Amino acid sequence: MHPGGDKLYKDMKKIFWWPNMKREVAEFVTKCLTCQKVKIEHRRPQEKVQSLEVPKWKWDSISMDFVGALPKTKAGNDTIWVIVDRLTKSAAFIPMRSNWTMDQLGRAYVKWLDRKNDSDHLDLIEFSYNNNYHVSIGMAPFEALYGRKCRSPICWNDISETMVLGLEMIENMVKQVKLIQEKIKAAQDRQKSYVDLKKEGRGIRSRRKGFVKNFTHERCDKKVGKVAYKLDLPNELERVHNVFHVSQIRKYIPDVTHVLQPETIEMDENLTYEERPIKILDSKVRTTRNKDVSIVKVLWSNQNTKEATWEAEADMRRRYPELFA
């Protein structure tokens, strides 16, 4: 194990010396394949914030997320699909199953207004979310989407107010969209100015070698935008999206002694894998200020012995009793 160029040099110079020793030790540690894979890069967060383009109209651009691993409803749904209009911040909460196909998701998106019997609570959640003031647009999403505040027993407007129709209604809507765009742009600029103070610009040249965390040694094929790169992935990772943010790519210093082989990881159909303990390699007692704690060194699946971790024995016995049988 290399504790670092300076530490290794100080340990070695006690019994060795040769010309340019410190520089050559530093180069040796820099080219170490294991160190390049596992050691943390001590640098400030990479690249300045790249703000998304402000949407031109309502529901032209959406973002989405999935809230999963929920208790199953009577209809068998165990996930909530959250879809948000990036302009008005209006949200749709759609009950679904975690094993739905893209075709099923598409049909659900088209029919998201047609609620199911087990989504009564989602209706209330969606109503509450869409009628709360949103800082980035300066109003509630409902008002941004429909041009007026919601009428309800808890948010009632004068029903005698003038009804706007035709060309005047369209003009008011266009003005409101422009106002929302200005507020979103101001919020993006404000956030960017705060975050960029703690970041540094970083880039890598096209066709440079690099490491992708949790994957294997690959080649940066081409730059995508300002902060992402397209990688030339091996065949076994053909289902993995091959565009990565620069923060997920590490610089690689080549050496003729390196043997670069893909790591074998058994993935599920959804391209995830579960780490499970395989073996207890060692055990000891760690003494703290108030008590002694028994800990064990655990070898995990898809990892080698160098990546084994120390875990509390009591916790491991509770979670994986078969490991101590």
C-alpha atoms as a PDB file:
ATOM      1  CA  MET A   1       0.000   0.000   0.000  1.00  0.00           C
ATOM      2  CA  HIS A   2       1.285   3.473  -0.857  1.00  0.00           C
ATOM      3  CA  PRO A   3       0.514   6.022   1.881  1.00  0.00           C
ATOM      4  CA  GLY A   4       1.506   8.820  -0.497  1.00  0.00           C
ATOM      5  CA  GLY A   5       4.634  10.039  -2.268  1.00  0.00           C
ATOM      6  CA  ASP A   6       6.021  12.081   0.649  1.00  0.00           C
ATOM      7  CA  LYS A   7       5.375   9.395   3.281  1.00  0.00           C
ATOM      8  CA  LEU A   8       6.821   6.619   1.112  1.00  0.00           C
ATOM      9  CA  TYR A   9       9.908   8.704   0.367  1.00  0.00           C
ATOM     10  CA  LYS A  10      10.524   9.471   4.058  1.00  0.00           C
ATOM     11  CA  ASP A  11      10.169   5.785   4.949  1.00  0.00           C
ATOM     12  CA  MET A  12      12.546   4.670   2.186  1.00  0.00           C
ATOM     13  CA  LYS A  13      15.241   7.317   2.614  1.00  0.00           C
ATOM     14  CA  LYS A  14      16.091   5.863   6.032  1.00  0.00           C
ATOM     15  CA  ILE A  15      17.724   2.879   4.329  1.00  0.00           C
ATOM     16  CA  PHE A  16      17.998   3.798   0.608  1.00  0.00           C
ATOM     17  CA  TRP A  17      19.365   6.610  -1.517  1.00  0.00           C
ATOM     18  CA  TRP A  18      19.953   7.209  -5.217  1.00  0.00           C
ATOM     19  CA  PRO A  19      20.053  10.301  -7.490  1.00  0.00           C
ATOM     20  CA  ASN A  20      16.641  11.907  -8.101  1.00  0.00           C
ATOM     21  CA  MET A  21      15.156   9.494  -5.540  1.00  0.00           C
ATOM     22  CA  LYS A  22      12.361  11.798  -4.334  1.00  0.00           C
ATOM     23  CA  ARG A  23      11.179  12.605  -7.879  1.00  0.00           C
ATOM     24  CA  GLU A  24      11.235   8.959  -8.975  1.00  0.00           C
ATOM     25  CA  VAL A  25       9.327   7.820  -5.872  1.00  0.00           C
ATOM     26  CA  ALA A  26       6.683  10.464  -6.549  1.00  0.00           C
ATOM     27  CA  GLU A  27       6.374   9.325 -10.189  1.00  0.00           C
ATOM     28  CA  PHE A  28       6.100   5.689  -9.122  1.00  0.00           C
ATOM     29  CA  VAL A  29       3.264   6.425  -6.699  1.00  0.00           C
ATOM     30  CA  THR A  30       1.525   8.618  -9.275  1.00  0.00           C
ATOM     31  CA  LYS A  31       1.483   5.755 -11.818  1.00  0.00           C
ATOM     32  CA  CYS A  32       0.288   3.110  -9.341  1.00  0.00           C
ATOM     33  CA  LEU A  33      -2.811   1.528 -10.887  1.00  0.00           C
ATOM     34  CA  THR A  34      -4.447   0.637  -7.547  1.00  0.00           C
ATOM     35  CA  CYS A  35      -3.880   4.099  -6.113  1.00  0.00           C
ATOM     36  CA  GLN A  36      -5.390   5.737  -9.185  1.00  0.00           C
ATOM     37  CA  LYS A  37      -8.492   3.578  -8.820  1.00  0.00           C
ATOM     38  CA  VAL A  38      -9.222   3.822  -5.121  1.00  0.00           C
ATOM     39  CA  LYS A  39      -7.562   6.900  -3.652  1.00  0.00           C
ATOM     40  CA  ILE A  40      -9.614  10.043  -3.150  1.00  0.00           C
ATOM     41  CA  GLU A  41      -8.788  13.058  -5.267  1.00  0.00           C
ATOM     42  CA  HIS A  42      -8.089  15.975  -2.947  1.00  0.00           C
ATOM     43  CA  ARG A  43      -9.419  18.852  -5.002  1.00  0.00           C
ATOM     44  CA  ARG A  44     -12.235  21.332  -4.931  1.00  0.00           C
ATOM     45  CA  PRO A  45     -15.517  20.358  -6.660  1.00  0.00           C
ATOM     46  CA  GLN A  46     -15.080  20.418 -10.411  1.00  0.00           C
ATOM     47  CA  GLU A  47     -16.409  22.848 -12.974  1.00  0.00           C
ATOM     48  CA  LYS A  48     -18.649  25.846 -12.702  1.00  0.00           C
ATOM     49  CA  VAL A  49     -22.431  25.449 -12.559  1.00  0.00           C
ATOM     50  CA  GLN A  50     -24.024  25.069 -16.001  1.00  0.00           C
ATOM     51  CA  SER A  51     -27.564  26.418 -15.712  1.00  0.00           C
ATOM     52  CA  LEU A  52     -30.314  24.660 -17.638  1.00  0.00           C
ATOM     53  CA  GLU A  53     -32.056  26.562 -20.407  1.00  0.00           C
ATOM     54  CA  VAL A  54     -35.188  28.320 -19.162  1.00  0.00           C
ATOM     55  CA  PRO A  55     -38.258  26.596 -20.732  1.00  0.00           C
ATOM     56  CA  LYS A  56     -40.148  28.528 -23.404  1.00  0.00           C
ATOM     57  CA  TRP A  57     -43.686  27.411 -22.498  1.00  0.00           C
ATOM     58  CA  LYS A  58     -45.718  25.358 -20.055  1.00  0.00           C
ATOM     59  CA  TRP A  59     -45.021  21.598 -20.081  1.00  0.00           C
ATOM     60  CA  ASP A  60     -42.473  21.979 -22.881  1.00  0.00           C
ATOM     61  CA  SER A  61     -39.760  20.720 -20.556  1.00  0.00           C
ATOM     62  CA  ILE A  62     -40.267  18.385 -17.609  1.00  0.00           C
ATOM     63  CA  SER A  63     -38.196  16.720 -14.922  1.00  0.00           C
ATOM     64  CA  MET A  64     -39.148  13.524 -13.168  1.00  0.00           C
ATOM     65  CA  ASP A  65     -38.254  11.306 -10.261  1.00  0.00           C
ATOM     66  CA  PHE A  66     -39.422   8.019  -8.771  1.00  0.00           C
ATOM     67  CA  VAL A  67     -40.206   7.501  -5.086  1.00  0.00           C
ATOM     68  CA  GLY A  68     -39.961   3.743  -4.621  1.00  0.00           C
ATOM     69  CA  ALA A  69     -39.883   0.925  -2.083  1.00  0.00           C
ATOM     70  CA  LEU A  70     -43.251   2.015  -0.666  1.00  0.00           C
ATOM     71  CA  PRO A  71     -45.905  -0.278   0.880  1.00  0.00           C
ATOM     72  CA  LYS A  72     -48.118  -1.797  -1.804  1.00  0.00           C
ATOM     73  CA  THR A  73     -51.611  -0.394  -2.289  1.00  0.00           C
ATOM     74  CA  LYS A  74     -54.722  -2.457  -2.999  1.00  0.00           C
ATOM     75  CA  ALA A  75     -54.028  -2.047  -6.726  1.00  0.00           C
ATOM     76  CA  GLY A  76     -50.475  -3.334  -6.298  1.00  0.00           C
ATOM     77  CA  ASN A  77     -48.723   0.004  -6.776  1.00  0.00           C
ATOM     78  CA  ASP A  78     -45.494   0.493  -4.815  1.00  0.00           C
ATOM     79  CA  THR A  79     -43.955   3.587  -6.432  1.00  0.00           C
ATOM     80  CA  ILE A  80     -44.878   7.239  -7.009  1.00  0.00           C
ATOM     81  CA  TRP A  81     -43.868   8.834 -10.291  1.00  0.00           C
ATOM     82  CA  VAL A  82     -43.338  12.576  -9.796  1.00  0.00           C
ATOM     83  CA  ILE A  83     -43.403  14.716 -12.953  1.00  0.00           C
ATOM     84  CA  VAL A  84     -42.673  18.447 -12.672  1.00  0.00           C
ATOM     85  CA  ASP A  85     -43.148  21.161 -15.293  1.00  0.00           C
ATOM     86  CA  ARG A  86     -39.861  23.066 -15.217  1.00  0.00           C
ATOM     87  CA  LEU A  87     -41.492  26.383 -16.104  1.00  0.00           C
ATOM     88  CA  THR A  88     -44.479  26.599 -13.761  1.00  0.00           C
ATOM     89  CA  LYS A  89     -43.187  24.011 -11.226  1.00  0.00           C
ATOM     90  CA  SER A  90     -46.579  22.273 -11.432  1.00  0.00           C
ATOM     91  CA  ALA A  91     -46.298  18.620 -10.411  1.00  0.00           C
ATOM     92  CA  ALA A  92     -48.159  15.405 -11.178  1.00  0.00           C
ATOM     93  CA  PHE A  93     -48.041  12.493  -8.720  1.00  0.00           C
ATOM     94  CA  ILE A  94     -48.768   9.202 -10.489  1.00  0.00           C
ATOM     95  CA  PRO A  95     -49.101   5.846  -8.679  1.00  0.00           C
ATOM     96  CA  MET A  96     -47.296   3.026 -10.482  1.00  0.00           C
ATOM     97  CA  ARG A  97     -45.481  -0.275 -10.089  1.00  0.00           C
ATOM     98  CA  SER A  98     -41.713  -0.534 -10.018  1.00  0.00           C
ATOM     99  CA  ASN A  99     -41.713  -3.113 -12.838  1.00  0.00           C
ATOM    100  CA  TRP A 100     -43.639  -1.014 -15.354  1.00  0.00           C
ATOM    101  CA  THR A 101     -42.307  -0.870 -18.911  1.00  0.00           C
ATOM    102  CA  MET A 102     -41.668   2.314 -20.883  1.00  0.00           C
ATOM    103  CA  ASP A 103     -44.916   1.721 -22.777  1.00  0.00           C
ATOM    104  CA  GLN A 104     -46.896   1.559 -19.530  1.00  0.00           C
ATOM    105  CA  LEU A 105     -45.213   4.735 -18.276  1.00  0.00           C
ATOM    106  CA  GLY A 106     -46.098   6.504 -21.520  1.00  0.00           C
ATOM    107  CA  ARG A 107     -49.772   5.570 -21.232  1.00  0.00           C
ATOM    108  CA  ALA A 108     -49.828   6.618 -17.584  1.00  0.00           C
ATOM    109  CA  TYR A 109     -48.342  10.005 -18.460  1.00  0.00           C
ATOM    110  CA  VAL A 110     -51.022  10.657 -21.077  1.00  0.00           C
ATOM    111  CA  LYS A 111     -53.793   9.654 -18.657  1.00  0.00           C
ATOM    112  CA  TRP A 112     -52.399  11.103 -15.436  1.00  0.00           C
ATOM    113  CA  LEU A 113     -55.564  13.149 -14.867  1.00  0.00           C
ATOM    114  CA  ASP A 114     -57.613   9.931 -14.760  1.00  0.00           C
ATOM    115  CA  ARG A 115     -57.028   9.020 -11.136  1.00  0.00           C
ATOM    116  CA  LYS A 116     -57.270   5.463  -9.707  1.00  0.00           C
ATOM    117  CA  ASN A 117     -59.127   4.454  -6.581  1.00  0.00           C
ATOM    118  CA  ASP A 118     -55.940   4.067  -4.547  1.00  0.00           C
ATOM    119  CA  SER A 119     -54.608   7.544  -5.317  1.00  0.00           C
ATOM    120  CA  ASP A 120     -56.968   9.683  -3.236  1.00  0.00           C
ATOM    121  CA  HIS A 121     -54.139  10.752  -0.961  1.00  0.00           C
ATOM    122  CA  LEU A 122     -51.960  11.593  -3.943  1.00  0.00           C
ATOM    123  CA  ASP A 123     -54.645  13.988  -5.120  1.00  0.00           C
ATOM    124  CA  LEU A 124     -54.380  15.859  -1.820  1.00  0.00           C
ATOM    125  CA  ILE A 125     -50.580  15.839  -1.938  1.00  0.00           C
ATOM    126  CA  GLU A 126     -50.595  17.143  -5.500  1.00  0.00           C
ATOM    127  CA  PHE A 127     -53.176  19.811  -4.619  1.00  0.00           C
ATOM    128  CA  SER A 128     -51.122  20.944  -1.637  1.00  0.00           C
ATOM    129  CA  TYR A 129     -47.878  21.072  -3.600  1.00  0.00           C
ATOM    130  CA  ASN A 130     -49.305  22.942  -6.587  1.00  0.00           C
ATOM    131  CA  ASN A 131     -50.961  25.585  -4.400  1.00  0.00           C
ATOM    132  CA  ASN A 132     -47.939  26.467  -2.282  1.00  0.00           C
ATOM    133  CA  TYR A 133     -45.808  29.518  -3.034  1.00  0.00           C
ATOM    134  CA  HIS A 134     -42.675  28.658  -5.032  1.00  0.00           C
ATOM    135  CA  VAL A 135     -39.676  30.961  -4.498  1.00  0.00           C
ATOM    136  CA  SER A 136     -38.085  30.585  -7.947  1.00  0.00           C
ATOM    137  CA  ILE A 137     -41.237  31.682  -9.830  1.00  0.00           C
ATOM    138  CA  GLY A 138     -42.637  34.060  -7.210  1.00  0.00           C
ATOM    139  CA  MET A 139     -46.084  32.452  -7.099  1.00  0.00           C
ATOM    140  CA  ALA A 140     -47.862  29.129  -6.663  1.00  0.00           C
ATOM    141  CA  PRO A 141     -47.488  26.599  -9.545  1.00  0.00           C
ATOM    142  CA  PHE A 142     -51.282  26.593 -10.029  1.00  0.00           C
ATOM    143  CA  GLU A 143     -51.288  30.338 -10.645  1.00  0.00           C
ATOM    144  CA  ALA A 144     -48.313  30.036 -13.023  1.00  0.00           C
ATOM    145  CA  LEU A 145     -50.038  27.273 -14.995  1.00  0.00           C
ATOM    146  CA  TYR A 146     -53.586  28.660 -15.211  1.00  0.00           C
ATOM    147  CA  GLY A 147     -53.016  32.390 -14.852  1.00  0.00           C
ATOM    148  CA  ARG A 148     -55.039  32.759 -11.648  1.00  0.00           C
ATOM    149  CA  LYS A 149     -55.032  31.582  -8.072  1.00  0.00           C
ATOM    150  CA  CYS A 150     -56.889  28.427  -7.141  1.00  0.00           C
ATOM    151  CA  ARG A 151     -60.458  28.786  -5.870  1.00  0.00           C
ATOM    152  CA  SER A 152     -61.114  26.507  -2.930  1.00  0.00           C
ATOM    153  CA  PRO A 153     -62.593  26.801   0.559  1.00  0.00           C
ATOM    154  CA  ILE A 154     -59.087  27.567   1.877  1.00  0.00           C
ATOM    155  CA  CYS A 155     -58.056  29.840  -0.995  1.00  0.00           C
ATOM    156  CA  TRP A 156     -61.133  31.728  -2.210  1.00  0.00           C
ATOM    157  CA  ASN A 157     -61.113  34.612  -4.644  1.00  0.00           C
ATOM    158  CA  ASP A 158     -63.970  36.985  -5.398  1.00  0.00           C
ATOM    159  CA  ILE A 159     -66.135  35.131  -7.918  1.00  0.00           C
ATOM    160  CA  SER A 160     -67.328  38.447  -9.333  1.00  0.00           C
ATOM    161  CA  GLU A 161     -63.896  39.293 -10.733  1.00  0.00           C
ATOM    162  CA  THR A 162     -63.831  40.035 -14.461  1.00  0.00           C
ATOM    163  CA  MET A 163     -63.571  37.040 -16.765  1.00  0.00           C
ATOM    164  CA  VAL A 164     -60.816  37.515 -19.346  1.00  0.00           C
ATOM    165  CA  LEU A 165     -61.318  35.741 -22.678  1.00  0.00           C
ATOM    166  CA  GLY A 166     -59.953  35.679 -26.188  1.00  0.00           C
ATOM    167  CA  LEU A 167     -56.940  37.719 -27.300  1.00  0.00           C
ATOM    168  CA  GLU A 168     -56.628  39.555 -23.996  1.00  0.00           C
ATOM    169  CA  MET A 169     -56.342  36.237 -22.137  1.00  0.00           C
ATOM    170  CA  ILE A 170     -53.555  35.073 -24.467  1.00  0.00           C
ATOM    171  CA  GLU A 171     -51.681  38.361 -24.048  1.00  0.00           C
ATOM    172  CA  ASN A 172     -51.906  38.099 -20.260  1.00  0.00           C
ATOM    173  CA  MET A 173     -50.702  34.512 -20.393  1.00  0.00           C
ATOM    174  CA  VAL A 174     -47.686  35.433 -22.557  1.00  0.00           C
ATOM    175  CA  LYS A 175     -46.791  38.269 -20.182  1.00  0.00           C
ATOM    176  CA  GLN A 176     -47.010  35.928 -17.223  1.00  0.00           C
ATOM    177  CA  VAL A 177     -44.787  33.320 -18.908  1.00  0.00           C
ATOM    178  CA  LYS A 178     -42.156  35.991 -19.610  1.00  0.00           C
ATOM    179  CA  LEU A 179     -42.335  37.100 -15.971  1.00  0.00           C
ATOM    180  CA  ILE A 180     -41.858  33.506 -14.807  1.00  0.00           C
ATOM    181  CA  GLN A 181     -38.888  33.057 -17.176  1.00  0.00           C
ATOM    182  CA  GLU A 182     -37.238  36.181 -15.741  1.00  0.00           C
ATOM    183  CA  LYS A 183     -37.744  34.961 -12.175  1.00  0.00           C
ATOM    184  CA  ILE A 184     -36.323  31.495 -12.983  1.00  0.00           C
ATOM    185  CA  LYS A 185     -33.288  33.058 -14.708  1.00  0.00           C
ATOM    186  CA  ALA A 186     -32.687  35.310 -11.704  1.00  0.00           C
ATOM    187  CA  ALA A 187     -32.930  32.323  -9.337  1.00  0.00           C
ATOM    188  CA  GLN A 188     -30.476  30.325 -11.506  1.00  0.00           C
ATOM    189  CA  ASP A 189     -27.984  33.201 -11.609  1.00  0.00           C
ATOM    190  CA  ARG A 190     -28.227  33.659  -7.849  1.00  0.00           C
ATOM    191  CA  GLN A 191     -27.620  29.963  -7.197  1.00  0.00           C
ATOM    192  CA  LYS A 192     -24.756  29.866  -9.706  1.00  0.00           C
ATOM    193  CA  SER A 193     -22.993  32.817  -8.078  1.00  0.00           C
ATOM    194  CA  TYR A 194     -23.140  31.101  -4.674  1.00  0.00           C
ATOM    195  CA  VAL A 195     -21.980  27.658  -5.810  1.00  0.00           C
ATOM    196  CA  ASP A 196     -19.257  28.789  -8.232  1.00  0.00           C
ATOM    197  CA  LEU A 197     -17.332  30.402  -5.375  1.00  0.00           C
ATOM    198  CA  LYS A 198     -16.456  26.900  -4.117  1.00  0.00           C
ATOM    199  CA  LYS A 199     -15.713  25.312  -7.478  1.00  0.00           C
ATOM    200  CA  GLU A 200     -12.853  25.263  -9.907  1.00  0.00           C
ATOM    201  CA  GLY A 201     -12.773  24.866 -13.658  1.00  0.00           C
ATOM    202  CA  ARG A 202     -11.658  21.460 -14.780  1.00  0.00           C
ATOM    203  CA  GLY A 203     -11.597  19.696 -18.104  1.00  0.00           C
ATOM    204  CA  ILE A 204      -9.833  16.851 -19.864  1.00  0.00           C
ATOM    205  CA  ARG A 205      -8.802  16.686 -23.466  1.00  0.00           C
ATOM    206  CA  SER A 206     -10.696  14.516 -25.864  1.00  0.00           C
ATOM    207  CA  ARG A 207      -9.233  11.027 -26.333  1.00  0.00           C
ATOM    208  CA  ARG A 208      -7.452  11.217 -22.963  1.00  0.00           C
ATOM    209  CA  LYS A 209      -7.511   8.102 -20.813  1.00  0.00           C
ATOM    210  CA  GLY A 210      -9.526   8.147 -17.611  1.00  0.00           C
ATOM    211  CA  PHE A 211     -11.135   6.112 -14.881  1.00  0.00           C
ATOM    212  CA  VAL A 212     -14.852   6.003 -14.288  1.00  0.00           C
ATOM    213  CA  LYS A 213     -15.799   5.320 -10.699  1.00  0.00           C
ATOM    214  CA  ASN A 214     -17.310   1.869 -10.191  1.00  0.00           C
ATOM    215  CA  PHE A 215     -16.486   0.842 -13.764  1.00  0.00           C
ATOM    216  CA  THR A 216     -13.277   0.023 -15.597  1.00  0.00           C
ATOM    217  CA  HIS A 217     -10.512   1.795 -17.442  1.00  0.00           C
ATOM    218  CA  GLU A 218     -12.013   3.343 -20.559  1.00  0.00           C
ATOM    219  CA  ARG A 219     -11.309   5.995 -23.156  1.00  0.00           C
ATOM    220  CA  CYS A 220     -12.904   9.433 -23.249  1.00  0.00           C
ATOM    221  CA  ASP A 221     -14.317   9.432 -26.754  1.00  0.00           C
ATOM    222  CA  LYS A 222     -15.693  12.938 -27.078  1.00  0.00           C
ATOM    223  CA  LYS A 223     -16.807  15.954 -25.105  1.00  0.00           C
ATOM    224  CA  VAL A 224     -20.554  16.494 -24.651  1.00  0.00           C
ATOM    225  CA  GLY A 225     -21.384  20.041 -23.627  1.00  0.00           C
ATOM    226  CA  LYS A 226     -19.066  21.787 -21.179  1.00  0.00           C
ATOM    227  CA  VAL A 227     -18.969  19.339 -18.281  1.00  0.00           C
ATOM    228  CA  ALA A 228     -19.656  15.858 -19.670  1.00  0.00           C
ATOM    229  CA  TYR A 229     -17.790  13.281 -21.718  1.00  0.00           C
ATOM    230  CA  LYS A 230     -18.853  10.328 -23.823  1.00  0.00           C
ATOM    231  CA  LEU A 231     -16.925   7.150 -23.014  1.00  0.00           C
ATOM    232  CA  ASP A 232     -16.101   4.165 -25.171  1.00  0.00           C
ATOM    233  CA  LEU A 233     -17.469   1.439 -22.851  1.00  0.00           C
ATOM    234  CA  PRO A 234     -16.810  -2.315 -23.249  1.00  0.00           C
ATOM    235  CA  ASN A 235     -19.457  -4.685 -24.592  1.00  0.00           C
ATOM    236  CA  GLU A 236     -20.482  -5.927 -21.138  1.00  0.00           C
ATOM    237  CA  LEU A 237     -21.569  -2.367 -20.252  1.00  0.00           C
ATOM    238  CA  GLU A 238     -23.408  -1.655 -23.502  1.00  0.00           C
ATOM    239  CA  ARG A 239     -26.686  -1.012 -21.626  1.00  0.00           C
ATOM    240  CA  VAL A 240     -25.069   1.653 -19.437  1.00  0.00           C
ATOM    241  CA  HIS A 241     -25.532   5.250 -20.563  1.00  0.00           C
ATOM    242  CA  ASN A 242     -22.091   6.247 -21.803  1.00  0.00           C
ATOM    243  CA  VAL A 243     -22.156   9.987 -21.010  1.00  0.00           C
ATOM    244  CA  PHE A 244     -20.612  10.946 -17.645  1.00  0.00           C
ATOM    245  CA  HIS A 245     -20.166  14.214 -15.774  1.00  0.00           C
ATOM    246  CA  VAL A 246     -16.550  15.292 -15.377  1.00  0.00           C
ATOM    247  CA  SER A 247     -16.787  14.729 -11.600  1.00  0.00           C
ATOM    248  CA  GLN A 248     -17.218  10.996 -12.291  1.00  0.00           C
ATOM    249  CA  ILE A 249     -14.069  10.773 -14.411  1.00  0.00           C
ATOM    250  CA  ARG A 250     -10.563  10.467 -13.009  1.00  0.00           C
ATOM    251  CA  LYS A 251      -7.282  11.190 -14.723  1.00  0.00           C
ATOM    252  CA  TYR A 252      -5.259   8.117 -15.684  1.00  0.00           C
ATOM    253  CA  ILE A 253      -1.448   8.080 -15.873  1.00  0.00           C
ATOM    254  CA  PRO A 254      -0.402   5.107 -18.056  1.00  0.00           C
ATOM    255  CA  ASP A 255       2.409   2.666 -17.366  1.00  0.00           C
ATOM    256  CA  VAL A 256       3.648  -0.321 -19.374  1.00  0.00           C
ATOM    257  CA  THR A 257       3.308  -2.626 -16.358  1.00  0.00           C
ATOM    258  CA  HIS A 258      -0.438  -2.036 -15.987  1.00  0.00           C
ATOM    259  CA  VAL A 259      -2.731  -4.928 -16.778  1.00  0.00           C
ATOM    260  CA  LEU A 260      -6.110  -3.424 -17.601  1.00  0.00           C
ATOM    261  CA  GLN A 261      -8.932  -5.931 -17.409  1.00  0.00           C
ATOM    262  CA  PRO A 262     -12.668  -5.304 -16.973  1.00  0.00           C
ATOM    263  CA  GLU A 263     -13.945  -5.953 -13.478  1.00  0.00           C
ATOM    264  CA  THR A 264     -16.490  -8.768 -13.380  1.00  0.00           C
ATOM    265  CA  ILE A 265     -19.680  -7.601 -11.690  1.00  0.00           C
ATOM    266  CA  GLU A 266     -22.925  -9.531 -11.914  1.00  0.00           C
ATOM    267  CA  MET A 267     -25.678  -6.976 -12.489  1.00  0.00           C
ATOM    268  CA  ASP A 268     -29.427  -7.375 -12.328  1.00  0.00           C
ATOM    269  CA  GLU A 269     -31.650  -6.563 -15.289  1.00  0.00           C
ATOM    270  CA  ASN A 270     -32.005  -2.981 -14.037  1.00  0.00           C
ATOM    271  CA  LEU A 271     -28.191  -2.596 -14.027  1.00  0.00           C
ATOM    272  CA  THR A 272     -27.865  -2.627 -10.239  1.00  0.00           C
ATOM    273  CA  TYR A 273     -26.119  -5.078  -7.972  1.00  0.00           C
ATOM    274  CA  GLU A 274     -26.256  -5.856  -4.289  1.00  0.00           C
ATOM    275  CA  GLU A 275     -23.145  -6.062  -2.151  1.00  0.00           C
ATOM    276  CA  ARG A 276     -23.339  -8.938   0.318  1.00  0.00           C
ATOM    277  CA  PRO A 277     -20.760 -10.125   2.855  1.00  0.00           C
ATOM    278  CA  ILE A 278     -18.918 -13.294   1.842  1.00  0.00           C
ATOM    279  CA  LYS A 279     -16.415 -13.918   4.583  1.00  0.00           C
ATOM    280  CA  ILE A 280     -15.044 -12.613   7.873  1.00  0.00           C
ATOM    281  CA  LEU A 281     -11.327 -12.034   7.369  1.00  0.00           C
ATOM    282  CA  ASP A 282     -10.327 -10.778  10.807  1.00  0.00           C
ATOM    283  CA  SER A 283     -11.685  -9.497  14.095  1.00  0.00           C
ATOM    284  CA  LYS A 284     -10.470  -7.245  16.882  1.00  0.00           C
ATOM    285  CA  VAL A 285     -11.649  -5.014  19.707  1.00  0.00           C
ATOM    286  CA  ARG A 286     -11.587  -1.264  19.217  1.00  0.00           C
ATOM    287  CA  THR A 287     -11.301   0.721  22.435  1.00  0.00           C
ATOM    288  CA  THR A 288     -13.177   4.001  22.609  1.00  0.00           C
ATOM    289  CA  ARG A 289     -13.354   6.526  25.410  1.00  0.00           C
ATOM    290  CA  ASN A 290     -16.312   4.842  27.123  1.00  0.00           C
ATOM    291  CA  LYS A 291     -16.331   1.211  25.987  1.00  0.00           C
ATOM    292  CA  ASP A 292     -14.779  -1.564  23.953  1.00  0.00           C
ATOM    293  CA  VAL A 293     -16.407  -2.436  20.612  1.00  0.00           C
ATOM    294  CA  SER A 294     -15.884  -5.710  18.761  1.00  0.00           C
ATOM    295  CA  ILE A 295     -15.363  -5.183  15.026  1.00  0.00           C
ATOM    296  CA  VAL A 296     -14.837  -7.586  12.137  1.00  0.00           C
ATOM    297  CA  LYS A 297     -13.124  -7.219   8.772  1.00  0.00           C
ATOM    298  CA  VAL A 298     -15.671  -8.138   6.079  1.00  0.00           C
ATOM    299  CA  LEU A 299     -15.014  -9.265   2.515  1.00  0.00           C
ATOM    300  CA  TRP A 300     -17.878  -8.179   0.246  1.00  0.00           C
ATOM    301  CA  SER A 301     -19.090  -9.603  -3.040  1.00  0.00           C
ATOM    302  CA  ASN A 302     -17.690  -7.904  -6.170  1.00  0.00           C
ATOM    303  CA  GLN A 303     -14.756  -6.627  -4.081  1.00  0.00           C
ATOM    304  CA  ASN A 304     -11.249  -7.917  -3.426  1.00  0.00           C
ATOM    305  CA  THR A 305      -9.497  -8.346  -0.092  1.00  0.00           C
ATOM    306  CA  LYS A 306      -7.869  -4.915  -0.379  1.00  0.00           C
ATOM    307  CA  GLU A 307     -11.323  -3.341  -0.313  1.00  0.00           C
ATOM    308  CA  ALA A 308     -12.578  -5.253   2.759  1.00  0.00           C
ATOM    309  CA  THR A 309     -14.140  -3.027   5.415  1.00  0.00           C
ATOM    310  CA  TRP A 310     -14.254  -3.018   9.208  1.00  0.00           C
ATOM    311  CA  GLU A 311     -17.808  -3.261  10.578  1.00  0.00           C
ATOM    312  CA  ALA A 312     -19.342  -3.493  14.051  1.00  0.00           C
ATOM    313  CA  GLU A 313     -19.698  -7.188  14.909  1.00  0.00           C
ATOM    314  CA  ALA A 314     -23.041  -6.759  16.672  1.00  0.00           C
ATOM    315  CA  ASP A 315     -24.521  -5.022  13.623  1.00  0.00           C
ATOM    316  CA  MET A 316     -23.208  -7.685  11.225  1.00  0.00           C
ATOM    317  CA  ARG A 317     -24.581 -10.492  13.420  1.00  0.00           C
ATOM    318  CA  ARG A 318     -27.990  -8.843  13.419  1.00  0.00           C
ATOM    319  CA  ARG A 319     -28.080  -8.250   9.652  1.00  0.00           C
ATOM    320  CA  TYR A 320     -26.263 -11.371   8.440  1.00  0.00           C
ATOM    321  CA  PRO A 321     -26.494 -14.139  11.077  1.00  0.00           C
ATOM    322  CA  GLU A 322     -25.630 -16.798   8.453  1.00  0.00           C
ATOM    323  CA  LEU A 323     -22.155 -15.285   8.188  1.00  0.00           C
ATOM    324  CA  PHE A 324     -21.340 -16.414  11.736  1.00  0.00           C
ATOM    325  CA  ALA A 325     -22.985 -19.872  11.558  1.00  0.00           C
END
